[in-house]
N, C-alpha and C. Protein backbone atom coordinates (compact mmCIF):
# COMPACT_ATOMS: atom_id res chain seq x y z
N MET A 1 8.98 -12.62 0.28
CA MET A 1 8.42 -12.22 1.55
C MET A 1 7.30 -13.16 1.98
N ILE A 2 6.47 -13.56 1.04
CA ILE A 2 5.37 -14.46 1.41
C ILE A 2 5.91 -15.80 1.88
N LEU A 3 7.00 -16.27 1.29
CA LEU A 3 7.56 -17.56 1.71
C LEU A 3 8.03 -17.49 3.16
N THR A 4 8.61 -16.39 3.55
CA THR A 4 9.04 -16.23 4.95
C THR A 4 7.83 -16.32 5.87
N ARG A 5 6.76 -15.67 5.51
CA ARG A 5 5.54 -15.72 6.32
C ARG A 5 4.97 -17.14 6.39
N VAL A 6 5.00 -17.83 5.26
CA VAL A 6 4.50 -19.20 5.19
C VAL A 6 5.35 -20.12 6.07
N LEU A 7 6.66 -20.00 5.96
CA LEU A 7 7.54 -20.84 6.77
C LEU A 7 7.37 -20.57 8.26
N ASN A 8 7.19 -19.30 8.62
CA ASN A 8 6.95 -18.98 10.03
C ASN A 8 5.63 -19.58 10.52
N ALA A 9 4.64 -19.66 9.65
CA ALA A 9 3.36 -20.24 10.02
C ALA A 9 3.46 -21.77 10.11
N LEU A 10 4.24 -22.36 9.24
CA LEU A 10 4.36 -23.82 9.23
C LEU A 10 5.32 -24.35 10.30
N ARG A 11 6.32 -23.56 10.62
CA ARG A 11 7.32 -23.96 11.62
C ARG A 11 7.50 -22.83 12.62
N PRO A 12 6.45 -22.56 13.44
CA PRO A 12 6.51 -21.43 14.36
C PRO A 12 7.68 -21.54 15.34
N GLY A 13 8.33 -20.42 15.54
CA GLY A 13 9.42 -20.35 16.50
C GLY A 13 10.75 -20.86 15.99
N GLN A 14 10.78 -21.37 14.77
CA GLN A 14 12.03 -21.89 14.21
C GLN A 14 12.74 -20.80 13.42
N GLU A 15 14.03 -20.68 13.61
CA GLU A 15 14.80 -19.67 12.92
C GLU A 15 15.44 -20.26 11.67
N PHE A 16 15.53 -19.44 10.64
CA PHE A 16 16.10 -19.88 9.37
C PHE A 16 16.61 -18.70 8.59
N THR A 17 17.41 -18.99 7.58
CA THR A 17 17.82 -17.97 6.61
C THR A 17 17.31 -18.43 5.25
N LEU A 18 17.06 -17.45 4.40
CA LEU A 18 16.46 -17.71 3.10
C LEU A 18 16.91 -16.61 2.15
N ASN A 19 17.26 -16.97 0.93
CA ASN A 19 17.69 -15.98 -0.06
C ASN A 19 16.65 -15.88 -1.16
N ASP A 20 16.22 -14.65 -1.44
CA ASP A 20 15.34 -14.36 -2.58
C ASP A 20 14.07 -15.20 -2.63
N ASP A 21 13.50 -15.51 -1.48
CA ASP A 21 12.27 -16.33 -1.42
C ASP A 21 12.42 -17.65 -2.20
N ASP A 22 13.61 -18.20 -2.19
CA ASP A 22 13.90 -19.46 -2.90
C ASP A 22 14.02 -20.57 -1.87
N ILE A 23 13.06 -21.50 -1.88
CA ILE A 23 13.02 -22.57 -0.88
C ILE A 23 14.28 -23.43 -0.89
N SER A 24 14.94 -23.51 -2.03
CA SER A 24 16.15 -24.34 -2.10
C SER A 24 17.31 -23.73 -1.32
N THR A 25 17.20 -22.45 -0.93
CA THR A 25 18.28 -21.79 -0.20
C THR A 25 18.05 -21.78 1.31
N ILE A 26 16.98 -22.39 1.77
CA ILE A 26 16.67 -22.32 3.20
C ILE A 26 17.70 -23.08 4.02
N ARG A 27 18.08 -22.46 5.14
CA ARG A 27 18.99 -23.09 6.09
C ARG A 27 18.38 -22.89 7.48
N TRP A 28 17.97 -24.00 8.09
CA TRP A 28 17.38 -23.95 9.42
C TRP A 28 18.49 -23.85 10.46
N ASN A 29 18.24 -23.11 11.54
CA ASN A 29 19.23 -22.98 12.60
C ASN A 29 19.26 -24.20 13.51
N SER A 30 18.30 -25.08 13.34
CA SER A 30 18.25 -26.33 14.10
C SER A 30 18.20 -27.49 13.11
N GLU A 31 19.03 -28.47 13.32
CA GLU A 31 19.07 -29.62 12.41
C GLU A 31 17.82 -30.50 12.54
N SER A 32 17.07 -30.34 13.61
CA SER A 32 15.89 -31.19 13.82
C SER A 32 14.67 -30.72 13.03
N VAL A 33 14.76 -29.56 12.40
CA VAL A 33 13.63 -29.02 11.65
C VAL A 33 13.68 -29.53 10.22
N THR A 34 12.53 -29.99 9.75
CA THR A 34 12.43 -30.43 8.36
C THR A 34 11.80 -29.32 7.52
N THR A 35 12.27 -29.21 6.32
CA THR A 35 11.71 -28.24 5.39
C THR A 35 10.35 -28.75 4.91
N PRO A 36 9.33 -27.90 4.92
CA PRO A 36 8.01 -28.33 4.45
C PRO A 36 8.05 -28.72 2.97
N THR A 37 7.14 -29.58 2.61
CA THR A 37 7.03 -29.97 1.21
C THR A 37 6.42 -28.84 0.41
N GLN A 38 6.55 -28.91 -0.89
CA GLN A 38 5.95 -27.89 -1.75
C GLN A 38 4.43 -27.89 -1.58
N GLU A 39 3.84 -29.06 -1.37
CA GLU A 39 2.39 -29.14 -1.16
C GLU A 39 1.99 -28.42 0.11
N GLU A 40 2.77 -28.58 1.19
CA GLU A 40 2.48 -27.88 2.44
C GLU A 40 2.60 -26.37 2.24
N ILE A 41 3.63 -25.96 1.54
CA ILE A 41 3.85 -24.54 1.28
C ILE A 41 2.71 -23.97 0.45
N ASP A 42 2.32 -24.67 -0.60
CA ASP A 42 1.23 -24.19 -1.45
C ASP A 42 -0.08 -24.08 -0.68
N ALA A 43 -0.38 -25.07 0.15
CA ALA A 43 -1.62 -25.06 0.93
C ALA A 43 -1.63 -23.91 1.93
N LYS A 44 -0.51 -23.71 2.63
CA LYS A 44 -0.45 -22.63 3.62
C LYS A 44 -0.47 -21.26 2.94
N THR A 45 0.16 -21.15 1.78
CA THR A 45 0.13 -19.90 1.02
C THR A 45 -1.31 -19.55 0.66
N ALA A 46 -2.04 -20.52 0.14
CA ALA A 46 -3.44 -20.29 -0.22
C ALA A 46 -4.26 -19.89 1.01
N GLU A 47 -4.02 -20.56 2.12
CA GLU A 47 -4.74 -20.26 3.36
C GLU A 47 -4.46 -18.83 3.83
N LEU A 48 -3.20 -18.44 3.84
CA LEU A 48 -2.84 -17.09 4.30
C LEU A 48 -3.38 -16.01 3.36
N LEU A 49 -3.33 -16.26 2.06
CA LEU A 49 -3.88 -15.29 1.11
C LEU A 49 -5.39 -15.16 1.26
N ALA A 50 -6.07 -16.27 1.52
CA ALA A 50 -7.52 -16.22 1.75
C ALA A 50 -7.84 -15.44 3.02
N GLU A 51 -7.04 -15.64 4.07
CA GLU A 51 -7.23 -14.87 5.31
C GLU A 51 -7.03 -13.38 5.06
N ASP A 52 -6.00 -13.05 4.29
CA ASP A 52 -5.74 -11.64 3.97
C ASP A 52 -6.91 -11.04 3.21
N GLN A 53 -7.42 -11.78 2.23
CA GLN A 53 -8.54 -11.29 1.43
C GLN A 53 -9.79 -11.11 2.30
N ALA A 54 -10.02 -12.03 3.23
CA ALA A 54 -11.17 -11.93 4.13
C ALA A 54 -11.06 -10.68 5.00
N LYS A 55 -9.84 -10.36 5.45
CA LYS A 55 -9.64 -9.15 6.26
C LYS A 55 -9.92 -7.89 5.44
N VAL A 56 -9.48 -7.89 4.19
CA VAL A 56 -9.72 -6.74 3.32
C VAL A 56 -11.21 -6.55 3.11
N GLU A 57 -11.91 -7.65 2.84
CA GLU A 57 -13.37 -7.56 2.62
C GLU A 57 -14.09 -7.12 3.88
N ALA A 58 -13.67 -7.61 5.04
CA ALA A 58 -14.30 -7.21 6.30
C ALA A 58 -14.09 -5.72 6.56
N ARG A 59 -12.90 -5.23 6.25
CA ARG A 59 -12.61 -3.81 6.44
C ARG A 59 -13.48 -2.97 5.50
N ARG A 60 -13.58 -3.39 4.24
CA ARG A 60 -14.43 -2.65 3.29
C ARG A 60 -15.87 -2.62 3.77
N SER A 61 -16.35 -3.75 4.24
CA SER A 61 -17.73 -3.83 4.72
C SER A 61 -17.95 -2.91 5.92
N ALA A 62 -17.00 -2.93 6.85
CA ALA A 62 -17.12 -2.08 8.04
C ALA A 62 -17.11 -0.61 7.65
N LEU A 63 -16.23 -0.23 6.74
CA LEU A 63 -16.17 1.17 6.30
C LEU A 63 -17.47 1.59 5.62
N ALA A 64 -18.01 0.71 4.78
CA ALA A 64 -19.27 1.03 4.10
C ALA A 64 -20.40 1.20 5.11
N LYS A 65 -20.43 0.37 6.13
CA LYS A 65 -21.47 0.47 7.15
C LYS A 65 -21.33 1.77 7.95
N LEU A 66 -20.11 2.15 8.27
CA LEU A 66 -19.90 3.40 8.99
C LEU A 66 -20.33 4.61 8.15
N GLU A 67 -19.98 4.56 6.87
CA GLU A 67 -20.39 5.65 5.99
C GLU A 67 -21.92 5.68 5.84
N ALA A 68 -22.56 4.50 5.84
CA ALA A 68 -24.01 4.45 5.73
C ALA A 68 -24.68 5.03 6.98
N LEU A 69 -23.97 5.01 8.09
CA LEU A 69 -24.50 5.60 9.32
C LEU A 69 -24.34 7.12 9.34
N GLY A 70 -23.69 7.65 8.32
CA GLY A 70 -23.58 9.10 8.23
C GLY A 70 -22.20 9.66 8.49
N LEU A 71 -21.23 8.82 8.78
CA LEU A 71 -19.88 9.32 8.96
C LEU A 71 -19.29 9.71 7.61
N THR A 72 -18.51 10.76 7.61
CA THR A 72 -17.83 11.16 6.37
C THR A 72 -16.62 10.26 6.16
N ALA A 73 -16.11 10.29 4.94
CA ALA A 73 -14.91 9.51 4.63
C ALA A 73 -13.75 9.94 5.51
N GLU A 74 -13.66 11.22 5.81
CA GLU A 74 -12.59 11.74 6.68
C GLU A 74 -12.73 11.23 8.10
N GLU A 75 -13.98 11.17 8.60
CA GLU A 75 -14.21 10.66 9.94
C GLU A 75 -13.88 9.16 10.02
N VAL A 76 -14.27 8.44 9.00
CA VAL A 76 -13.95 7.01 8.96
C VAL A 76 -12.45 6.81 8.92
N ALA A 77 -11.75 7.60 8.11
CA ALA A 77 -10.29 7.47 8.02
C ALA A 77 -9.62 7.81 9.35
N ALA A 78 -10.21 8.74 10.10
CA ALA A 78 -9.65 9.12 11.40
C ALA A 78 -9.77 7.99 12.43
N LEU A 79 -10.71 7.10 12.21
CA LEU A 79 -10.86 5.98 13.13
C LEU A 79 -9.70 5.04 12.98
């Protein structure tokens, strides 16, 4: 699943098929599209995972701040 996300980020708007997140099985619907290198894939994977982690940390921080303002956990969850 992560490889699909990475490929969509590296080649936006390009359609492809992929089996079992195995880069060797990728088939682009356009012959003009080149498959990214393993280095490109690794770099984009790290970037996307870092972005995901930053979002998780920002959410935790926001929830902690709301609770510090006196909201209950239930009220925060309702938001």
